Amino acid sequence: MNVSNANELPIGVFDSGVGGLTVLKALRDVLPHEDLIYLGDTARLPYGTKSPASISRYACQATQQLQQRGIKLLVVACNTASAVALEALRGQMEPLPVIGVIEPGATAAVAARPGGTHLVLATEATVSLEAYRRAIHAKDRQATVIELACEMLVSLAEEGWSDGPIAELIVRRYLAELDGQSARPDSVILGCTHFPLLREVIESAFDDGVAIVDSASTTAAAACDMLASMSLGSRRSGGGSLKLLATDGATRFARVGGQFLGHDLSANDITIVDL
């Protein structure tokens, strides 16, 4: 790759649906001069119910679309794809750098609370894969990891019910399942890209001393560090562009995606692609 030409290529962001838009928003916040191109494989979500072989195949097919459009970095903004297909994607994308959401979150949690007890709030698929447990223990063998599947929080985020009594009750109902576990968490990892929308409600359920680790912001910080280390940052002074791609459902993508990005979208803002 010619670095002088590569600096102005976009960052590619991939997710099975719209949840990865929290990562995209975090990227825009820390890298405002970068062009971004996002692809949500909405025709085949959820990935969590598929076999590992299918997840890897779908992820490689979808990200090939981004690769063909020309990118300088791939951010896998999907916990399931990060857990199952990251190495396959790195092989496909080589020599382009590839970042997943799990490693940055695990690194941030261990740095914040070494030797601590880490509570991972995630979807059933991510919990069953134990990807955060493995990532944390690879960095800190003394750490204790508790994983809790909170599937309904995904629906809350997509409906825009990210605060108020309904969200509070559901969060506390899930946390009540931990009553039989004596270890008090030192950190809480938001292990689903939907969950940063519910951060305030989740944070309010814990003591002030508990570190809340946001997989969106930690992944954006890792992308920022990666670009700096490879001297691949954009040299423009103005704001970067944004292109949104999906494999189905432009109207729903726009409705839900606008909540994630914090501004209105229309179906015309979404380009439907065929894989």
Protein backbone atom coordinates (compact mmCIF):
# COMPACT_ATOMS: atom_id res chain seq x y z
CA MET A 1 0.00 0.00 0.00
CA ASN A 2 1.29 3.44 -0.93
CA VAL A 3 0.97 5.34 2.35
CA SER A 4 0.64 8.76 0.76
CA ASN A 5 -2.38 7.53 -1.21
CA ALA A 6 -3.76 5.35 1.57
CA ASN A 7 -4.07 8.19 4.09
CA GLU A 8 -7.23 9.49 2.41
CA LEU A 9 -8.92 6.12 2.01
CA PRO A 10 -11.95 5.56 4.28
CA ILE A 11 -12.13 3.45 7.40
CA GLY A 12 -14.46 0.50 6.85
CA VAL A 13 -16.85 -0.46 9.67
CA PHE A 14 -18.74 -3.75 9.57
CA ASP A 15 -21.59 -5.13 11.66
CA SER A 16 -24.32 -7.71 11.21
CA GLY A 17 -26.88 -4.92 11.67
CA VAL A 18 -27.21 -1.45 13.17
CA GLY A 19 -25.63 -1.94 16.61
CA GLY A 20 -22.19 -1.14 15.25
CA LEU A 21 -23.35 2.41 14.62
CA THR A 22 -22.40 3.14 18.25
CA VAL A 23 -18.82 2.31 17.23
CA LEU A 24 -19.19 4.43 14.12
CA LYS A 25 -20.39 7.38 16.20
CA ALA A 26 -17.42 6.97 18.56
CA LEU A 27 -15.07 6.87 15.56
CA ARG A 28 -16.55 10.11 14.21
CA ASP A 29 -16.03 11.73 17.60
CA VAL A 30 -12.31 10.88 17.87
CA LEU A 31 -11.45 10.93 14.15
CA PRO A 32 -13.57 13.77 12.70
CA HIS A 33 -11.40 14.21 9.60
CA GLU A 34 -11.68 10.58 8.47
CA ASP A 35 -14.00 9.27 5.77
CA LEU A 36 -16.08 6.37 7.06
CA ILE A 37 -18.01 3.65 5.24
CA TYR A 38 -20.34 1.41 7.22
CA LEU A 39 -21.90 -1.88 6.12
CA GLY A 40 -24.66 -3.61 8.07
CA ASP A 41 -25.51 -7.11 6.86
CA THR A 42 -29.15 -6.60 7.78
CA ALA A 43 -30.43 -9.28 5.39
CA ARG A 44 -28.76 -12.03 7.42
CA LEU A 45 -28.93 -10.83 11.00
CA PRO A 46 -28.80 -11.98 13.70
CA TYR A 47 -25.42 -13.65 13.37
CA GLY A 48 -25.67 -15.04 16.90
CA THR A 49 -28.06 -17.83 15.88
CA LYS A 50 -25.83 -19.05 13.05
CA SER A 51 -23.05 -21.68 13.12
CA PRO A 52 -19.43 -20.48 13.41
CA ALA A 53 -18.82 -21.59 9.80
CA SER A 54 -21.76 -19.51 8.54
CA ILE A 55 -20.74 -16.48 10.64
CA SER A 56 -17.22 -16.57 9.20
CA ARG A 57 -18.54 -16.97 5.66
CA TYR A 58 -21.05 -14.14 6.00
CA ALA A 59 -18.51 -11.82 7.61
CA CYS A 60 -15.93 -12.48 4.90
CA GLN A 61 -18.50 -11.94 2.14
CA ALA A 62 -19.73 -8.68 3.65
CA THR A 63 -16.31 -7.21 4.34
CA GLN A 64 -15.16 -8.10 0.84
CA GLN A 65 -17.65 -5.45 -0.30
CA LEU A 66 -15.78 -2.88 1.81
CA GLN A 67 -12.42 -4.18 0.63
CA GLN A 68 -13.43 -3.77 -3.01
CA ARG A 69 -14.48 -0.16 -2.38
CA GLY A 70 -11.03 0.62 -0.98
CA ILE A 71 -10.42 1.05 2.74
CA LYS A 72 -7.30 1.50 4.88
CA LEU A 73 -8.59 -0.11 8.11
CA LEU A 74 -11.42 -2.53 8.93
CA VAL A 75 -13.25 -2.19 12.24
CA VAL A 76 -15.39 -5.24 13.04
CA ALA A 77 -18.12 -3.56 15.12
CA CYS A 78 -19.88 -6.82 15.94
CA ASN A 79 -19.17 -8.90 19.03
CA THR A 80 -20.22 -12.20 17.44
CA ALA A 81 -18.14 -11.66 14.31
CA SER A 82 -15.21 -10.48 16.44
CA ALA A 83 -15.45 -13.65 18.53
CA VAL A 84 -15.76 -16.07 15.62
CA ALA A 85 -14.34 -14.58 12.44
CA LEU A 86 -11.60 -12.09 13.37
CA GLU A 87 -8.69 -14.29 12.29
CA ALA A 88 -10.44 -15.24 9.04
CA LEU A 89 -11.03 -11.55 8.32
CA ARG A 90 -7.40 -10.69 9.07
CA GLY A 91 -6.31 -13.36 6.61
CA GLN A 92 -8.67 -12.01 3.95
CA MET A 93 -7.74 -8.37 4.49
CA GLU A 94 -3.97 -8.77 4.81
CA PRO A 95 -1.98 -6.49 4.77
CA LEU A 96 -4.78 -4.12 5.88
CA PRO A 97 -5.17 -3.85 9.69
CA VAL A 98 -8.32 -5.31 11.27
CA ILE A 99 -9.67 -4.39 14.73
CA GLY A 100 -12.49 -6.15 16.59
CA VAL A 101 -14.51 -4.91 19.55
CA ILE A 102 -13.61 -7.58 22.11
CA GLU A 103 -9.87 -7.06 22.49
CA PRO A 104 -10.07 -3.29 23.18
CA GLY A 105 -12.81 -3.81 25.74
CA ALA A 106 -10.89 -6.55 27.54
CA THR A 107 -7.71 -4.46 27.54
CA ALA A 108 -9.50 -1.43 28.99
CA ALA A 109 -11.16 -3.49 31.73
CA VAL A 110 -7.90 -5.11 32.83
CA ALA A 111 -6.10 -1.75 32.79
CA ALA A 112 -8.85 -0.14 34.88
CA ARG A 113 -9.13 -2.95 37.44
CA PRO A 114 -6.13 -5.35 37.39
CA GLY A 115 -6.86 -8.57 39.23
CA GLY A 116 -10.47 -7.50 39.56
CA THR A 117 -13.88 -8.98 38.96
CA HIS A 118 -15.29 -8.09 35.55
CA LEU A 119 -18.98 -8.36 34.70
CA VAL A 120 -19.66 -8.73 30.99
CA LEU A 121 -23.15 -7.73 29.84
CA ALA A 122 -23.69 -9.16 26.37
CA THR A 123 -26.01 -11.15 24.12
CA GLU A 124 -26.55 -14.89 24.51
CA ALA A 125 -24.29 -15.62 21.55
CA THR A 126 -21.37 -13.61 22.90
CA VAL A 127 -21.74 -15.12 26.37
CA SER A 128 -21.85 -18.67 24.98
CA LEU A 129 -18.67 -18.05 22.99
CA GLU A 130 -16.84 -16.86 26.16
CA ALA A 131 -14.75 -14.51 24.01
CA TYR A 132 -14.44 -11.83 26.69
CA ARG A 133 -13.51 -14.40 29.32
CA ARG A 134 -10.69 -15.71 27.12
CA ALA A 135 -9.50 -12.22 26.15
CA ILE A 136 -9.41 -11.03 29.78
CA HIS A 137 -7.68 -14.15 31.11
CA ALA A 138 -5.06 -13.89 28.36
CA LYS A 139 -4.10 -10.52 29.86
CA ASP A 140 -4.77 -11.17 33.55
CA ARG A 141 -4.92 -14.72 34.91
CA GLN A 142 -5.94 -13.38 38.32
CA ALA A 143 -9.10 -11.74 37.00
CA THR A 144 -12.57 -13.09 37.72
CA VAL A 145 -15.03 -12.90 34.83
CA ILE A 146 -18.82 -13.08 35.20
CA GLU A 147 -20.87 -13.11 32.01
CA LEU A 148 -24.56 -12.22 31.87
CA ALA A 149 -26.77 -12.50 28.79
CA CYS A 150 -29.13 -9.50 28.53
CA GLU A 151 -30.91 -10.10 25.24
CA MET A 152 -33.83 -7.74 25.88
CA LEU A 153 -31.50 -4.76 26.15
CA VAL A 154 -30.93 -5.02 22.39
CA SER A 155 -34.66 -4.52 21.78
CA LEU A 156 -34.77 -1.61 24.22
CA ALA A 157 -31.96 0.14 22.36
CA GLU A 158 -33.57 -0.43 18.96
CA GLU A 159 -36.94 0.86 20.17
CA GLY A 160 -35.29 3.97 21.56
CA TRP A 161 -36.28 3.09 25.15
CA SER A 162 -32.79 3.74 26.48
CA ASP A 163 -33.89 5.53 29.64
CA GLY A 164 -36.90 5.77 31.93
CA PRO A 165 -38.59 3.27 34.26
CA ILE A 166 -38.97 0.44 31.74
CA ALA A 167 -35.25 0.38 30.94
CA GLU A 168 -34.35 0.67 34.62
CA LEU A 169 -36.62 -2.21 35.63
CA ILE A 170 -35.32 -4.54 32.92
CA VAL A 171 -31.67 -3.76 33.70
CA ARG A 172 -32.24 -4.39 37.40
CA ARG A 173 -34.17 -7.59 36.65
CA TYR A 174 -31.19 -8.96 34.74
CA LEU A 175 -28.77 -7.90 37.47
CA ALA A 176 -30.93 -9.67 40.06
CA GLU A 177 -29.73 -12.93 38.50
CA LEU A 178 -26.31 -12.19 40.01
CA ASP A 179 -27.57 -12.33 43.60
CA GLY A 180 -26.22 -15.85 44.03
CA GLN A 181 -22.72 -14.77 43.00
CA SER A 182 -20.77 -13.26 45.89
CA ALA A 183 -18.19 -11.36 43.86
CA ARG A 184 -18.99 -7.65 43.47
CA PRO A 185 -17.89 -6.43 40.03
CA ASP A 186 -15.04 -3.97 39.83
CA SER A 187 -15.81 -3.27 36.18
CA VAL A 188 -18.84 -3.68 33.94
CA ILE A 189 -18.12 -4.29 30.27
CA LEU A 190 -20.83 -3.25 27.80
CA GLY A 191 -20.18 -6.30 25.62
CA CYS A 192 -22.75 -5.54 22.93
CA THR A 193 -22.57 -2.58 20.58
CA HIS A 194 -26.21 -1.74 21.38
CA PHE A 195 -25.52 -1.29 25.08
CA PRO A 196 -23.70 2.08 25.06
CA LEU A 197 -27.14 3.60 24.39
CA LEU A 198 -28.18 2.27 27.81
CA ARG A 199 -24.98 3.30 29.58
CA GLU A 200 -26.59 5.79 31.97
CA VAL A 201 -29.25 3.32 33.11
CA ILE A 202 -26.68 0.54 33.56
CA GLU A 203 -24.24 2.84 35.35
CA SER A 204 -26.94 3.97 37.79
CA ALA A 205 -27.43 0.36 38.93
CA PHE A 206 -23.87 0.14 40.33
CA ASP A 207 -21.79 1.89 42.97
CA ASP A 208 -19.69 4.88 41.95
CA GLY A 209 -16.46 2.87 42.23
CA VAL A 210 -17.38 0.46 39.43
CA ALA A 211 -15.63 1.15 36.10
CA ILE A 212 -17.97 1.10 33.09
CA VAL A 213 -16.14 -0.11 29.97
CA ASP A 214 -17.78 0.95 26.72
CA SER A 215 -16.82 -1.31 23.79
CA ALA A 216 -17.64 1.48 21.32
CA SER A 217 -15.30 4.11 22.79
CA THR A 218 -12.51 1.61 23.51
CA THR A 219 -12.64 0.31 19.94
CA ALA A 220 -12.57 3.85 18.54
CA ALA A 221 -9.52 4.61 20.71
CA ALA A 222 -7.81 1.44 19.41
CA ALA A 223 -8.51 2.51 15.82
CA CYS A 224 -7.06 5.94 16.54
CA ASP A 225 -3.90 4.36 17.97
CA MET A 226 -3.63 1.97 15.01
CA LEU A 227 -3.80 4.79 12.44
CA ALA A 228 -1.21 6.79 14.37
CA SER A 229 1.18 3.84 14.66
CA MET A 230 0.97 3.19 10.91
CA SER A 231 1.00 6.89 9.93
CA LEU A 232 -2.29 6.36 8.11
CA GLY A 233 -4.31 9.26 9.50
CA SER A 234 -6.06 11.60 7.11
CA ARG A 235 -4.21 14.83 6.36
CA ARG A 236 -7.28 16.84 5.44
CA SER A 237 -8.45 19.71 7.62
CA GLY A 238 -12.16 19.43 6.93
CA GLY A 239 -14.70 16.94 8.19
CA GLY A 240 -14.78 13.42 6.80
CA SER A 241 -17.62 11.91 4.79
CA LEU A 242 -19.97 9.10 5.81
CA LYS A 243 -21.41 6.39 3.59
CA LEU A 244 -23.97 3.91 4.94
CA LEU A 245 -24.53 0.53 3.27
CA ALA A 246 -26.96 -2.26 4.17
CA THR A 247 -27.99 -5.54 2.61
CA ASP A 248 -31.74 -5.08 3.27
CA GLY A 249 -34.34 -2.84 4.90
CA ALA A 250 -33.24 0.74 4.20
CA THR A 251 -36.31 2.22 5.94
CA ARG A 252 -35.83 0.30 9.18
CA PHE A 253 -32.07 0.89 9.07
CA ALA A 254 -32.71 4.63 8.83
CA ARG A 255 -35.29 4.63 11.65
CA VAL A 256 -33.18 2.65 14.11
CA GLY A 257 -29.84 3.98 12.91
CA GLY A 258 -30.85 7.57 13.51
CA GLN A 259 -31.27 6.76 17.22
CA PHE A 260 -27.78 5.29 17.35
CA LEU A 261 -26.11 8.18 15.54
CA GLY A 262 -28.09 10.88 17.30
CA HIS A 263 -29.53 12.51 14.19
CA ASP A 264 -32.29 11.73 11.70
CA LEU A 265 -31.67 9.46 8.73
CA SER A 266 -33.89 8.71 5.76
CA ALA A 267 -34.03 5.63 3.57
CA ASN A 268 -32.31 7.70 0.87
CA ASP A 269 -29.23 7.94 3.10
CA ILE A 270 -28.79 4.14 2.92
CA THR A 271 -27.38 2.32 -0.10
CA ILE A 272 -28.60 -1.27 -0.45
CA VAL A 273 -25.89 -3.66 -1.70
CA ASP A 274 -26.15 -7.23 -2.90
CA LEU A 275 -23.55 -9.64 -1.61
